[in-house]
Amino acid sequence: MAFHTSNPSCSDSSSVSCKSNIHHYGPEDHPNLSPNGHLLVAVFLGVIGSLGFFNNLLVLVLFCKYKVLRSPINMLLMNISLSDLMVCILGTPFSFAASTQGRWLLGEAGCIWYGFANTLFGTVSLVSLAVLSYERYCTMLRSTEADMTNYRKAWIGILVSWVYSLFWTLPPLFGWSKYGPEGPGTTCSVNWHSRDLNNTSYIVCLFVFCLALPFAVIVYCYGRLLFAIKQVSAVSKGAGRAREQRVLIMIIVMVVCFLLCWLPYGVMALVATFGKPGLIPPSASIIPSVLAKSSTVYNPIIYIFMNKQFNRCFTALIQCNDTPQVSSKKSSSKTTKICLNARRLPDNFTPNVTSNRPPSSEAEKEDETSNSHTKNFNNQPAKMLIAHYTA
């Protein structure tokens, strides 16, 4: 965003280097945001930082205390909580303090560090959400049981999220774009304002590979999962339909929250880079930044506390129990398998819907016996195995 300086030789007024002769970013440099505006931003950042810190710290405490939560897919959830917690520790408190004073307080070096750290942890969170959706997609559609003791893929996913994020957030430290003040001067990020090729090329790459690509992976993976669950509901009108509705709501909430928090920030970056100068005033540009930071609050709520396993462990923690209560519904912790044709299904085909629990009645035994004859069809050995964990 544009910043006015006293140095007329600086063609890029938002650059940190143009402000190297200024000891702080005072409110006189940002007249578009009033003291009350700064105070309002500080209140929002204080609430977001406090809730985000508490929620993500609680998630990590539960994960460390209860061994039942230490599954490979939960490792990815811990990675998201860790990156969000780092934002709440290394990012939000400094922007909160700056908003209370109406100016950036840590100087040029602090601004660069803040911009790098927040961009890194935010990108790790975004990429981890995409890796999580892909892992869920593979778990539900692969042809074998989920191995709950194989942590290799989870560690690879975590490593990929950090290496990939570092690959795209380190360049501004070495000359490809730069980190500097944004909005009303109380936060720092990538230099969105500069119009030179060096900066615009980085902004485009950052938008494509760190926002658009993770979002595309999330939409594709969860869309395929929803389609698979629709096949279940076509067979089981009761439980299958209810499961479809629950998963549909969960997916809609995840996608909407993702877009609500990150799309405004991405659009603001593109408009500031390619749009008419001054189109987005500093007073309005702070809103996308606050929305992006709010992801630290909703991520643990949507992805973790809506999970029944974490709910039971949280209840046990409140009650000072070392062992969480086991669900009374035996089927809730089991795996549902549905074998579907990898290409197409005949009109009279009925998918095999079984559970890894023993049949509870003679009727169920008869159903399983009759359905077992439909595993192979059309001489096509390829299958898809859908595993839905409700625990």
Protein backbone atom coordinates (compact mmCIF):
# COMPACT_ATOMS: atom_id res chain seq x y z
CA MET A 1 0.00 0.00 0.00
CA ALA A 2 1.11 3.56 -0.61
CA PHE A 3 3.00 5.47 2.07
CA HIS A 4 4.08 9.11 1.93
CA THR A 5 7.63 9.88 2.90
CA SER A 6 9.72 12.98 3.18
CA ASN A 7 12.24 11.62 0.68
CA PRO A 8 11.18 12.77 -2.82
CA SER A 9 13.87 10.65 -4.48
CA CYS A 10 12.07 7.44 -3.55
CA SER A 11 9.85 6.30 -6.38
CA ASP A 12 8.51 3.44 -4.29
CA SER A 13 7.07 5.07 -1.19
CA SER A 14 6.07 1.80 0.47
CA SER A 15 9.58 0.36 0.47
CA VAL A 16 11.36 -0.08 3.77
CA SER A 17 14.55 1.24 2.20
CA CYS A 18 12.81 4.54 1.43
CA LYS A 19 12.08 4.87 5.13
CA SER A 20 15.53 3.99 6.31
CA ASN A 21 16.02 7.58 7.41
CA ILE A 22 12.84 7.54 9.50
CA HIS A 23 13.01 6.12 13.02
CA HIS A 24 9.36 5.11 13.21
CA TYR A 25 6.18 4.97 11.21
CA GLY A 26 4.15 7.64 12.93
CA PRO A 27 0.45 8.33 12.56
CA GLU A 28 1.29 11.48 10.64
CA ASP A 29 2.39 9.24 7.75
CA HIS A 30 -1.00 7.52 7.65
CA PRO A 31 -3.74 10.14 7.98
CA ASN A 32 -6.42 7.80 6.55
CA LEU A 33 -6.74 5.86 9.81
CA SER A 34 -7.90 7.80 12.86
CA PRO A 35 -6.80 7.06 16.44
CA ASN A 36 -10.18 5.39 17.01
CA GLY A 37 -9.53 3.28 13.91
CA HIS A 38 -6.18 2.15 15.29
CA LEU A 39 -7.84 1.34 18.61
CA LEU A 40 -10.54 -0.72 16.90
CA VAL A 41 -7.92 -2.68 14.98
CA ALA A 42 -6.02 -3.26 18.24
CA VAL A 43 -9.16 -4.66 19.87
CA PHE A 44 -9.74 -7.10 17.01
CA LEU A 45 -6.10 -8.17 16.98
CA GLY A 46 -6.15 -8.63 20.75
CA VAL A 47 -9.21 -10.89 20.58
CA ILE A 48 -7.85 -12.85 17.60
CA GLY A 49 -4.42 -13.25 19.17
CA SER A 50 -5.80 -14.37 22.55
CA LEU A 51 -8.31 -16.87 21.13
CA GLY A 52 -5.84 -18.18 18.56
CA PHE A 53 -3.14 -18.67 21.18
CA PHE A 54 -5.49 -20.43 23.61
CA ASN A 55 -7.13 -22.67 21.01
CA ASN A 56 -3.92 -23.84 19.35
CA LEU A 57 -2.06 -24.27 22.61
CA LEU A 58 -4.93 -26.39 23.91
CA VAL A 59 -4.77 -28.55 20.80
CA LEU A 60 -1.06 -29.18 21.31
CA VAL A 61 -1.60 -29.98 25.00
CA LEU A 62 -4.27 -32.53 24.13
CA PHE A 63 -2.05 -34.09 21.49
CA CYS A 64 0.86 -34.42 23.91
CA LYS A 65 -1.24 -35.73 26.80
CA TYR A 66 -3.40 -38.36 25.07
CA LYS A 67 -1.72 -41.06 23.02
CA VAL A 68 -5.00 -41.94 21.31
CA LEU A 69 -4.70 -38.70 19.32
CA ARG A 70 -1.24 -39.47 17.96
CA SER A 71 -2.31 -40.78 14.57
CA PRO A 72 -0.59 -39.85 11.29
CA ILE A 73 -3.41 -37.61 10.07
CA ASN A 74 -3.54 -35.83 13.43
CA MET A 75 0.15 -35.05 12.99
CA LEU A 76 -0.84 -32.85 10.07
CA LEU A 77 -3.42 -31.14 12.26
CA MET A 78 -0.71 -30.49 14.84
CA ASN A 79 1.43 -28.91 12.15
CA ILE A 80 -1.39 -26.49 11.34
CA SER A 81 -1.87 -25.66 15.01
CA LEU A 82 1.87 -25.14 15.48
CA SER A 83 2.12 -22.69 12.57
CA ASP A 84 -0.98 -20.83 13.75
CA LEU A 85 0.42 -20.69 17.29
CA MET A 86 3.64 -19.18 15.93
CA VAL A 87 1.59 -16.43 14.25
CA CYS A 88 -0.09 -15.70 17.59
CA ILE A 89 3.28 -15.57 19.38
CA LEU A 90 5.60 -13.92 16.82
CA GLY A 91 3.16 -11.83 14.83
CA THR A 92 -0.10 -10.69 16.38
CA PRO A 93 1.35 -9.21 19.62
CA PHE A 94 3.60 -6.84 17.66
CA SER A 95 0.85 -5.64 15.33
CA PHE A 96 -1.41 -5.27 18.37
CA ALA A 97 1.16 -3.11 20.15
CA ALA A 98 1.71 -1.07 16.99
CA SER A 99 -2.04 -0.48 16.62
CA THR A 100 -2.34 0.77 20.19
CA GLN A 101 0.36 3.38 19.43
CA GLY A 102 -0.71 4.09 15.85
CA ARG A 103 2.74 3.33 14.42
CA TRP A 104 5.20 0.50 13.88
CA LEU A 105 7.47 0.12 16.92
CA LEU A 106 10.27 -2.27 15.88
CA GLY A 107 12.00 -0.35 13.12
CA GLU A 108 13.16 -1.59 9.74
CA ALA A 109 14.76 -4.87 10.88
CA GLY A 110 11.72 -5.71 12.99
CA CYS A 111 9.43 -4.94 10.04
CA ILE A 112 11.36 -7.29 7.77
CA TRP A 113 11.37 -10.04 10.39
CA TYR A 114 7.66 -9.60 11.06
CA GLY A 115 6.82 -9.72 7.36
CA PHE A 116 8.91 -12.84 6.77
CA ALA A 117 7.72 -14.75 9.85
CA ASN A 118 4.04 -14.06 9.29
CA THR A 119 4.24 -14.84 5.58
CA LEU A 120 6.09 -18.08 6.35
CA PHE A 121 3.72 -19.33 9.07
CA GLY A 122 0.66 -18.28 7.12
CA THR A 123 1.91 -20.14 4.03
CA VAL A 124 2.72 -23.23 6.12
CA SER A 125 -0.85 -23.20 7.41
CA LEU A 126 -2.30 -22.87 3.89
CA VAL A 127 -0.09 -25.58 2.41
CA SER A 128 -0.77 -27.87 5.38
CA LEU A 129 -4.52 -27.53 4.80
CA ALA A 130 -3.96 -28.63 1.20
CA VAL A 131 -1.74 -31.54 2.30
CA LEU A 132 -4.38 -32.54 4.87
CA SER A 133 -7.12 -32.57 2.24
CA TYR A 134 -4.94 -34.67 -0.07
CA GLU A 135 -4.14 -37.13 2.72
CA ARG A 136 -7.83 -37.48 3.55
CA TYR A 137 -8.54 -38.00 -0.13
CA CYS A 138 -5.90 -40.74 -0.36
CA THR A 139 -7.07 -42.36 2.88
CA MET A 140 -10.66 -42.57 1.74
CA LEU A 141 -10.09 -43.61 -1.86
CA ARG A 142 -7.13 -45.93 -1.72
CA SER A 143 -7.48 -49.69 -1.94
CA THR A 144 -6.13 -50.69 1.47
CA GLU A 145 -6.88 -50.09 5.11
CA ALA A 146 -5.51 -46.93 6.65
CA ASP A 147 -2.29 -47.75 8.53
CA MET A 148 -2.55 -45.86 11.79
CA THR A 149 1.04 -46.73 12.74
CA ASN A 150 2.75 -45.45 9.58
CA TYR A 151 3.93 -41.91 10.31
CA ARG A 152 6.26 -41.70 7.32
CA LYS A 153 3.75 -40.03 4.99
CA ALA A 154 2.68 -37.61 7.72
CA TRP A 155 6.28 -36.52 8.35
CA ILE A 156 6.82 -36.18 4.61
CA GLY A 157 3.71 -33.98 4.37
CA ILE A 158 4.93 -31.80 7.24
CA LEU A 159 8.40 -31.51 5.71
CA VAL A 160 6.92 -30.61 2.33
CA SER A 161 4.75 -27.87 3.86
CA TRP A 162 7.74 -26.19 5.54
CA VAL A 163 10.21 -26.57 2.67
CA TYR A 164 7.64 -25.40 0.13
CA SER A 165 6.74 -22.39 2.29
CA LEU A 166 10.38 -21.46 2.85
CA PHE A 167 10.98 -21.71 -0.89
CA TRP A 168 8.39 -18.99 -1.53
CA THR A 169 8.98 -16.75 1.52
CA LEU A 170 12.80 -16.55 1.56
CA PRO A 171 13.24 -14.76 -1.83
CA PRO A 172 12.26 -11.27 -0.52
CA LEU A 173 15.18 -11.52 1.89
CA PHE A 174 17.54 -11.97 -1.07
CA GLY A 175 16.28 -9.35 -3.50
CA TRP A 176 13.21 -10.83 -5.21
CA SER A 177 10.68 -8.28 -3.92
CA LYS A 178 11.04 -7.20 -0.28
CA TYR A 179 9.22 -7.05 3.02
CA GLY A 180 7.96 -3.69 4.23
CA PRO A 181 5.11 -1.84 5.95
CA GLU A 182 1.56 -2.34 4.74
CA GLY A 183 -1.85 -0.82 5.44
CA PRO A 184 -1.83 2.04 7.97
CA GLY A 185 1.77 1.26 8.93
CA THR A 186 1.07 -1.01 11.90
CA THR A 187 1.81 -4.30 10.11
CA CYS A 188 4.44 -5.49 7.64
CA SER A 189 4.28 -7.90 4.74
CA VAL A 190 5.40 -8.29 1.14
CA ASN A 191 5.80 -5.01 -0.71
CA TRP A 192 2.47 -4.96 -2.57
CA HIS A 193 2.85 -1.41 -3.91
CA SER A 194 5.92 -1.55 -6.14
CA ARG A 195 5.11 -1.84 -9.87
CA ASP A 196 8.54 -2.98 -11.12
CA LEU A 197 8.90 -6.39 -12.78
CA ASN A 198 10.99 -7.77 -9.93
CA ASN A 199 8.16 -7.23 -7.45
CA THR A 200 5.13 -7.97 -9.63
CA SER A 201 6.58 -11.31 -10.78
CA TYR A 202 6.98 -12.37 -7.15
CA ILE A 203 3.46 -11.25 -6.23
CA VAL A 204 1.98 -13.27 -9.11
CA CYS A 205 3.96 -16.38 -8.16
CA LEU A 206 3.03 -16.01 -4.49
CA PHE A 207 -0.65 -15.67 -5.35
CA VAL A 208 -0.66 -18.64 -7.75
CA PHE A 209 1.49 -21.11 -5.83
CA CYS A 210 0.67 -20.19 -2.22
CA LEU A 211 -3.04 -19.34 -2.46
CA ALA A 212 -4.68 -20.44 -5.71
CA LEU A 213 -2.91 -23.81 -5.91
CA PRO A 214 -3.64 -24.90 -2.29
CA PHE A 215 -7.26 -23.80 -2.71
CA ALA A 216 -7.57 -25.81 -5.94
CA VAL A 217 -6.18 -28.91 -4.20
CA ILE A 218 -8.62 -28.48 -1.30
CA VAL A 219 -11.64 -28.05 -3.57
CA TYR A 220 -10.67 -31.00 -5.78
CA CYS A 221 -9.94 -33.43 -2.93
CA TYR A 222 -13.00 -32.59 -0.84
CA GLY A 223 -15.16 -32.50 -3.97
CA ARG A 224 -14.09 -36.05 -4.84
CA LEU A 225 -14.75 -37.16 -1.26
CA LEU A 226 -18.21 -35.65 -1.32
CA PHE A 227 -18.94 -37.43 -4.61
CA ALA A 228 -17.82 -40.72 -3.06
CA ILE A 229 -20.02 -40.22 -0.03
CA LYS A 230 -22.96 -39.55 -2.34
CA GLN A 231 -22.46 -43.09 -3.62
CA VAL A 232 -22.86 -44.30 -0.05
CA SER A 233 -26.07 -42.36 0.47
CA ALA A 234 -27.46 -43.85 -2.73
CA VAL A 235 -27.26 -47.27 -1.05
CA SER A 236 -28.02 -46.39 2.56
CA LYS A 237 -30.81 -43.84 2.68
CA GLY A 238 -30.56 -43.44 6.45
CA ALA A 239 -27.05 -43.28 7.87
CA GLY A 240 -25.50 -42.63 4.45
CA ARG A 241 -27.71 -39.61 3.86
CA ALA A 242 -26.99 -38.23 7.32
CA ARG A 243 -23.26 -38.70 6.81
CA GLU A 244 -23.46 -36.96 3.45
CA GLN A 245 -25.18 -33.97 5.01
CA ARG A 246 -22.62 -33.72 7.81
CA VAL A 247 -19.66 -33.92 5.45
CA LEU A 248 -21.28 -31.47 3.03
CA ILE A 249 -21.75 -28.92 5.81
CA MET A 250 -18.18 -29.44 7.04
CA ILE A 251 -16.73 -28.98 3.54
CA ILE A 252 -18.81 -25.86 2.89
CA VAL A 253 -17.70 -24.35 6.21
CA MET A 254 -14.04 -25.13 5.50
CA VAL A 255 -14.09 -23.69 2.00
CA VAL A 256 -16.08 -20.58 2.97
CA CYS A 257 -13.82 -19.82 5.95
CA PHE A 258 -10.75 -20.38 3.80
CA LEU A 259 -12.03 -17.93 1.20
CA LEU A 260 -13.25 -15.43 3.80
CA CYS A 261 -9.87 -15.27 5.50
CA TRP A 262 -7.45 -15.48 2.58
CA LEU A 263 -9.20 -14.39 -0.62
CA PRO A 264 -9.60 -10.71 0.45
CA TYR A 265 -5.88 -10.61 1.27
CA GLY A 266 -4.94 -12.11 -2.09
CA VAL A 267 -7.26 -9.79 -4.00
CA MET A 268 -5.92 -6.78 -2.11
CA ALA A 269 -2.38 -7.79 -3.06
CA LEU A 270 -3.25 -8.08 -6.74
CA VAL A 271 -5.20 -4.80 -6.78
CA ALA A 272 -2.39 -2.97 -4.97
CA THR A 273 0.13 -4.40 -7.44
CA PHE A 274 -1.77 -4.05 -10.73
CA GLY A 275 -4.66 -1.71 -9.98
CA LYS A 276 -4.89 2.05 -10.01
CA PRO A 277 -2.59 3.65 -7.40
CA GLY A 278 -4.48 4.62 -4.27
CA LEU A 279 -7.50 2.48 -5.17
CA ILE A 280 -7.36 0.75 -1.79
CA PRO A 281 -6.71 3.25 1.04
CA PRO A 282 -4.66 2.15 4.06
CA SER A 283 -7.76 2.29 6.25
CA ALA A 284 -9.40 -0.41 4.11
CA SER A 285 -6.30 -2.53 3.49
CA ILE A 286 -6.00 -3.40 7.18
CA ILE A 287 -9.24 -5.43 6.99
CA PRO A 288 -7.86 -8.26 4.80
CA SER A 289 -4.81 -8.47 7.05
CA VAL A 290 -6.98 -8.88 10.15
CA LEU A 291 -9.16 -11.46 8.38
CA ALA A 292 -6.08 -13.49 7.42
CA LYS A 293 -4.93 -13.55 11.04
CA SER A 294 -8.38 -14.75 12.13
CA SER A 295 -7.62 -18.11 10.49
CA THR A 296 -5.62 -18.93 13.62
CA VAL A 297 -8.92 -18.96 15.52
CA TYR A 298 -11.17 -20.91 13.18
CA ASN A 299 -8.65 -23.56 12.05
CA PRO A 300 -8.57 -25.46 15.37
CA ILE A 301 -12.34 -25.12 15.74
CA ILE A 302 -13.24 -26.53 12.31
CA TYR A 303 -10.51 -29.10 11.83
CA ILE A 304 -9.98 -30.27 15.40
CA PHE A 305 -12.63 -29.43 17.99
CA MET A 306 -15.40 -30.66 15.69
CA ASN A 307 -13.63 -34.04 15.78
CA LYS A 308 -15.19 -36.48 18.26
CA GLN A 309 -11.82 -37.84 19.38
CA PHE A 310 -10.59 -34.41 20.37
CA ASN A 311 -13.91 -33.62 22.02
CA ARG A 312 -13.65 -36.69 24.24
CA CYS A 313 -10.03 -35.88 25.11
CA PHE A 314 -10.95 -32.27 25.88
CA THR A 315 -13.74 -33.50 28.19
CA ALA A 316 -11.27 -35.84 29.89
CA LEU A 317 -8.81 -32.95 30.34
CA ILE A 318 -11.49 -30.79 31.96
CA GLN A 319 -12.45 -33.67 34.24
CA CYS A 320 -8.78 -34.37 35.03
CA ASN A 321 -9.00 -37.90 33.59
CA ASP A 322 -5.98 -39.59 32.08
CA THR A 323 -8.12 -41.70 29.74
CA PRO A 324 -10.82 -40.24 27.47
CA GLN A 325 -14.25 -41.83 27.53
CA VAL A 326 -14.86 -44.35 24.76
CA SER A 327 -17.83 -43.67 22.50
CA SER A 328 -20.88 -45.80 23.26
CA LYS A 329 -21.49 -46.27 19.57
CA LYS A 330 -19.25 -49.10 18.45
CA SER A 331 -19.57 -48.22 14.83
CA SER A 332 -18.37 -44.65 15.39
CA SER A 333 -14.74 -45.73 15.61
CA LYS A 334 -14.89 -48.20 12.79
CA THR A 335 -14.07 -47.95 9.14
CA THR A 336 -16.79 -48.03 6.52
CA LYS A 337 -15.76 -49.57 3.25
CA ILE A 338 -17.47 -49.12 -0.06
CA CYS A 339 -16.08 -50.82 -3.14
CA LEU A 340 -16.91 -48.91 -6.32
CA ASN A 341 -16.05 -49.46 -9.95
CA ALA A 342 -13.08 -47.28 -10.93
CA ARG A 343 -14.71 -46.54 -14.31
CA ARG A 344 -18.48 -46.96 -14.24
CA LEU A 345 -21.16 -48.94 -12.48
CA PRO A 346 -23.84 -51.07 -14.15
CA ASP A 347 -27.40 -49.98 -13.55
CA ASN A 348 -28.20 -52.98 -11.37
CA PHE A 349 -25.00 -52.80 -9.33
CA THR A 350 -25.19 -52.41 -5.55
CA PRO A 351 -21.97 -51.29 -3.82
CA ASN A 352 -20.65 -53.44 -1.02
CA VAL A 353 -21.18 -51.49 2.20
CA THR A 354 -19.61 -53.32 5.10
CA SER A 355 -18.10 -52.51 8.44
CA ASN A 356 -15.14 -54.10 10.14
CA ARG A 357 -17.35 -55.00 13.11
CA PRO A 358 -19.08 -58.40 13.22
CA PRO A 359 -22.72 -58.49 12.04
CA SER A 360 -25.15 -57.97 14.88
CA SER A 361 -28.05 -59.87 13.36
CA GLU A 362 -28.84 -62.69 10.93
CA ALA A 363 -30.23 -60.12 8.49
CA GLU A 364 -26.92 -58.29 8.41
CA LYS A 365 -25.08 -61.59 7.83
CA GLU A 366 -27.32 -62.33 4.87
CA ASP A 367 -26.80 -58.83 3.48
CA GLU A 368 -23.03 -59.15 3.74
CA THR A 369 -23.11 -62.56 2.06
CA SER A 370 -25.18 -61.29 -0.84
CA ASN A 371 -23.12 -58.12 -1.25
CA SER A 372 -19.81 -60.01 -1.21
CA HIS A 373 -20.59 -61.37 -4.68
CA THR A 374 -20.50 -57.87 -6.17
CA LYS A 375 -16.85 -57.09 -5.41
CA ASN A 376 -15.70 -57.86 -8.96
CA PHE A 377 -17.70 -56.73 -11.96
CA ASN A 378 -17.27 -56.07 -15.69
CA ASN A 379 -13.94 -57.93 -15.40
CA GLN A 380 -12.41 -54.70 -14.06
CA PRO A 381 -10.06 -55.38 -11.16
CA ALA A 382 -9.62 -51.68 -10.34
CA LYS A 383 -11.48 -50.50 -7.24
CA MET A 384 -11.80 -47.49 -5.00
CA LEU A 385 -11.95 -47.97 -1.25
CA ILE A 386 -13.71 -45.24 0.71
CA ALA A 387 -12.82 -45.09 4.40
CA HIS A 388 -14.81 -42.70 6.54
CA TYR A 389 -13.64 -42.16 10.10
CA THR A 390 -16.31 -40.81 12.41
CA ALA A 391 -14.44 -41.25 15.68
